[in-house]
Amino acid sequence: MYYLPEPPYFLLIVGLFTGLTCGLAFEATLKMNVRELLKKPANQMLKGSGLQLPFLGICVGICVFLSAGLEVFLFDPWLSYSIALPMTIFIAALVWVQLESVLKQIKEGGSKAIDLDAFY
């Protein structure tokens, strides 16, 4: 007799909850420290800012969420994590680089530098 394991719905919910709560902490920390971040040199803007821990929490939560979502579709856990982990690391690196870029733009040109609704 063939046995199908139960999908990890609990991990799906825990991963989503972790990602969302760490996202809220990331947002609050970023809003609170944005003035101090803009006073730092451009190459050290995000170092020592306190954003690394909430961002890591977001990444772990999303990795667990993605792997549990893949396990729902009958993938093995090792295969699910081997797909979700590189994808999470790649996307996290892109987001971190984009955040640094936006902070540099704000530092150089103020909030008008990133205004997407203004047509010149």
C-alpha atoms as a PDB file:
ATOM      1  CA  MET A   1       0.000   0.000   0.000  1.00  0.00           C
ATOM      2  CA  TYR A   2       1.299   3.443  -0.937  1.00  0.00           C
ATOM      3  CA  TYR A   3       1.396   6.050   1.818  1.00  0.00           C
ATOM      4  CA  LEU A   4       1.069   9.765   1.044  1.00  0.00           C
ATOM      5  CA  PRO A   5       2.299  12.004   3.853  1.00  0.00           C
ATOM      6  CA  GLU A   6       0.208  14.878   5.094  1.00  0.00           C
ATOM      7  CA  PRO A   7       1.156  18.214   3.554  1.00  0.00           C
ATOM      8  CA  PRO A   8       2.898  20.578   5.990  1.00  0.00           C
ATOM      9  CA  TYR A   9       0.095  23.095   6.399  1.00  0.00           C
ATOM     10  CA  PHE A  10       1.451  24.090   9.817  1.00  0.00           C
ATOM     11  CA  LEU A  11       4.831  25.017   8.308  1.00  0.00           C
ATOM     12  CA  LEU A  12       3.032  26.953   5.584  1.00  0.00           C
ATOM     13  CA  ILE A  13       1.229  29.071   8.181  1.00  0.00           C
ATOM     14  CA  VAL A  14       4.308  29.455  10.418  1.00  0.00           C
ATOM     15  CA  GLY A  15       6.488  30.547   7.488  1.00  0.00           C
ATOM     16  CA  LEU A  16       3.950  33.111   6.345  1.00  0.00           C
ATOM     17  CA  PHE A  17       3.446  34.412   9.890  1.00  0.00           C
ATOM     18  CA  THR A  18       7.203  34.675  10.458  1.00  0.00           C
ATOM     19  CA  GLY A  19       7.745  36.511   7.186  1.00  0.00           C
ATOM     20  CA  LEU A  20       4.932  38.969   7.874  1.00  0.00           C
ATOM     21  CA  THR A  21       5.873  39.748  11.472  1.00  0.00           C
ATOM     22  CA  CYS A  22       9.547  40.203  10.597  1.00  0.00           C
ATOM     23  CA  GLY A  23       8.438  42.389   7.694  1.00  0.00           C
ATOM     24  CA  LEU A  24       6.563  44.641  10.095  1.00  0.00           C
ATOM     25  CA  ALA A  25       9.640  44.822  12.341  1.00  0.00           C
ATOM     26  CA  PHE A  26      11.790  45.634   9.285  1.00  0.00           C
ATOM     27  CA  GLU A  27       9.416  48.421   8.283  1.00  0.00           C
ATOM     28  CA  ALA A  28       9.361  49.938  11.775  1.00  0.00           C
ATOM     29  CA  THR A  29      13.156  49.766  12.091  1.00  0.00           C
ATOM     30  CA  LEU A  30      13.655  51.316   8.668  1.00  0.00           C
ATOM     31  CA  LYS A  31      11.246  54.170   9.380  1.00  0.00           C
ATOM     32  CA  MET A  32      12.864  54.815  12.739  1.00  0.00           C
ATOM     33  CA  ASN A  33      16.475  54.804  11.499  1.00  0.00           C
ATOM     34  CA  VAL A  34      16.215  56.343   8.021  1.00  0.00           C
ATOM     35  CA  ARG A  35      17.621  59.742   9.088  1.00  0.00           C
ATOM     36  CA  GLU A  36      20.656  58.127  10.738  1.00  0.00           C
ATOM     37  CA  LEU A  37      21.183  55.871   7.720  1.00  0.00           C
ATOM     38  CA  LEU A  38      21.351  58.842   5.375  1.00  0.00           C
ATOM     39  CA  LYS A  39      24.092  60.476   7.476  1.00  0.00           C
ATOM     40  CA  LYS A  40      26.451  57.506   6.972  1.00  0.00           C
ATOM     41  CA  PRO A  41      28.858  57.178   4.027  1.00  0.00           C
ATOM     42  CA  ALA A  42      27.330  55.670   0.901  1.00  0.00           C
ATOM     43  CA  ASN A  43      29.296  52.414   1.058  1.00  0.00           C
ATOM     44  CA  GLN A  44      28.394  51.701   4.724  1.00  0.00           C
ATOM     45  CA  MET A  45      24.794  52.811   4.751  1.00  0.00           C
ATOM     46  CA  LEU A  46      23.167  49.537   5.864  1.00  0.00           C
ATOM     47  CA  LYS A  47      26.010  48.178   8.008  1.00  0.00           C
ATOM     48  CA  GLY A  48      25.169  48.252  11.700  1.00  0.00           C
ATOM     49  CA  SER A  49      21.710  49.618  11.000  1.00  0.00           C
ATOM     50  CA  GLY A  50      19.748  46.948  12.866  1.00  0.00           C
ATOM     51  CA  LEU A  51      17.983  45.901   9.687  1.00  0.00           C
ATOM     52  CA  GLN A  52      19.870  42.642   9.215  1.00  0.00           C
ATOM     53  CA  LEU A  53      17.995  40.617  11.849  1.00  0.00           C
ATOM     54  CA  PRO A  54      14.451  41.463  10.678  1.00  0.00           C
ATOM     55  CA  PHE A  55      15.563  40.949   7.079  1.00  0.00           C
ATOM     56  CA  LEU A  56      17.008  37.552   7.965  1.00  0.00           C
ATOM     57  CA  GLY A  57      13.730  36.687   9.669  1.00  0.00           C
ATOM     58  CA  ILE A  58      11.830  37.630   6.532  1.00  0.00           C
ATOM     59  CA  CYS A  59      14.132  35.422   4.459  1.00  0.00           C
ATOM     60  CA  VAL A  60      13.806  32.420   6.793  1.00  0.00           C
ATOM     61  CA  GLY A  61      10.034  32.779   6.955  1.00  0.00           C
ATOM     62  CA  ILE A  62       9.670  33.043   3.199  1.00  0.00           C
ATOM     63  CA  CYS A  63      12.026  30.098   2.637  1.00  0.00           C
ATOM     64  CA  VAL A  64       9.939  27.920   4.981  1.00  0.00           C
ATOM     65  CA  PHE A  65       6.751  29.167   3.325  1.00  0.00           C
ATOM     66  CA  LEU A  66       8.027  28.405  -0.181  1.00  0.00           C
ATOM     67  CA  SER A  67       9.332  24.964   0.724  1.00  0.00           C
ATOM     68  CA  ALA A  68       6.101  24.038   2.529  1.00  0.00           C
ATOM     69  CA  GLY A  69       4.161  25.239  -0.483  1.00  0.00           C
ATOM     70  CA  LEU A  70       6.230  22.987  -2.720  1.00  0.00           C
ATOM     71  CA  GLU A  71       5.705  20.079  -0.336  1.00  0.00           C
ATOM     72  CA  VAL A  72       1.946  20.550  -0.688  1.00  0.00           C
ATOM     73  CA  PHE A  73       2.404  19.625  -4.349  1.00  0.00           C
ATOM     74  CA  LEU A  74       3.995  16.271  -3.404  1.00  0.00           C
ATOM     75  CA  PHE A  75       7.661  17.212  -3.570  1.00  0.00           C
ATOM     76  CA  ASP A  76      10.048  15.646  -1.083  1.00  0.00           C
ATOM     77  CA  PRO A  77      11.191  17.938   1.744  1.00  0.00           C
ATOM     78  CA  TRP A  78      14.843  17.880   0.626  1.00  0.00           C
ATOM     79  CA  LEU A  79      13.846  18.762  -2.939  1.00  0.00           C
ATOM     80  CA  SER A  80      11.541  21.530  -1.730  1.00  0.00           C
ATOM     81  CA  TYR A  81      14.241  23.119   0.396  1.00  0.00           C
ATOM     82  CA  SER A  82      16.833  22.715  -2.360  1.00  0.00           C
ATOM     83  CA  ILE A  83      14.562  24.732  -4.646  1.00  0.00           C
ATOM     84  CA  ALA A  84      13.337  27.283  -2.074  1.00  0.00           C
ATOM     85  CA  LEU A  85      16.690  28.098  -0.453  1.00  0.00           C
ATOM     86  CA  PRO A  86      18.597  29.287  -3.562  1.00  0.00           C
ATOM     87  CA  MET A  87      15.534  31.156  -4.785  1.00  0.00           C
ATOM     88  CA  THR A  88      15.168  32.919  -1.422  1.00  0.00           C
ATOM     89  CA  ILE A  89      18.869  33.804  -1.264  1.00  0.00           C
ATOM     90  CA  PHE A  90      18.812  35.205  -4.806  1.00  0.00           C
ATOM     91  CA  ILE A  91      15.693  37.310  -4.231  1.00  0.00           C
ATOM     92  CA  ALA A  92      16.980  38.514  -0.833  1.00  0.00           C
ATOM     93  CA  ALA A  93      20.232  39.662  -2.422  1.00  0.00           C
ATOM     94  CA  LEU A  94      18.322  41.542  -5.120  1.00  0.00           C
ATOM     95  CA  VAL A  95      16.097  43.246  -2.544  1.00  0.00           C
ATOM     96  CA  TRP A  96      19.076  44.227  -0.355  1.00  0.00           C
ATOM     97  CA  VAL A  97      20.942  45.742  -3.331  1.00  0.00           C
ATOM     98  CA  GLN A  98      17.784  47.588  -4.388  1.00  0.00           C
ATOM     99  CA  LEU A  99      17.323  48.967  -0.865  1.00  0.00           C
ATOM    100  CA  GLU A 100      20.898  50.267  -0.870  1.00  0.00           C
ATOM    101  CA  SER A 101      20.301  51.850  -4.264  1.00  0.00           C
ATOM    102  CA  VAL A 102      17.126  53.590  -3.141  1.00  0.00           C
ATOM    103  CA  LEU A 103      18.796  54.902   0.010  1.00  0.00           C
ATOM    104  CA  LYS A 104      21.678  56.291  -2.085  1.00  0.00           C
ATOM    105  CA  GLN A 105      19.195  57.997  -4.402  1.00  0.00           C
ATOM    106  CA  ILE A 106      17.380  59.533  -1.442  1.00  0.00           C
ATOM    107  CA  LYS A 107      20.678  60.702   0.042  1.00  0.00           C
ATOM    108  CA  GLU A 108      21.762  62.371  -3.200  1.00  0.00           C
ATOM    109  CA  GLY A 109      18.498  63.885  -4.385  1.00  0.00           C
ATOM    110  CA  GLY A 110      16.020  63.775  -1.542  1.00  0.00           C
ATOM    111  CA  SER A 111      12.605  62.193  -1.788  1.00  0.00           C
ATOM    112  CA  LYS A 112      12.007  63.792  -5.198  1.00  0.00           C
ATOM    113  CA  ALA A 113      14.752  61.536  -6.627  1.00  0.00           C
ATOM    114  CA  ILE A 114      12.521  58.480  -6.300  1.00  0.00           C
ATOM    115  CA  ASP A 115       9.192  60.109  -7.122  1.00  0.00           C
ATOM    116  CA  LEU A 116       7.738  57.862  -9.795  1.00  0.00           C
ATOM    117  CA  ASP A 117       4.614  59.941 -10.407  1.00  0.00           C
ATOM    118  CA  ALA A 118       6.426  63.086 -11.485  1.00  0.00           C
ATOM    119  CA  PHE A 119       6.789  63.543 -15.224  1.00  0.00           C
ATOM    120  CA  TYR A 120       9.393  66.052 -16.316  1.00  0.00           C
END
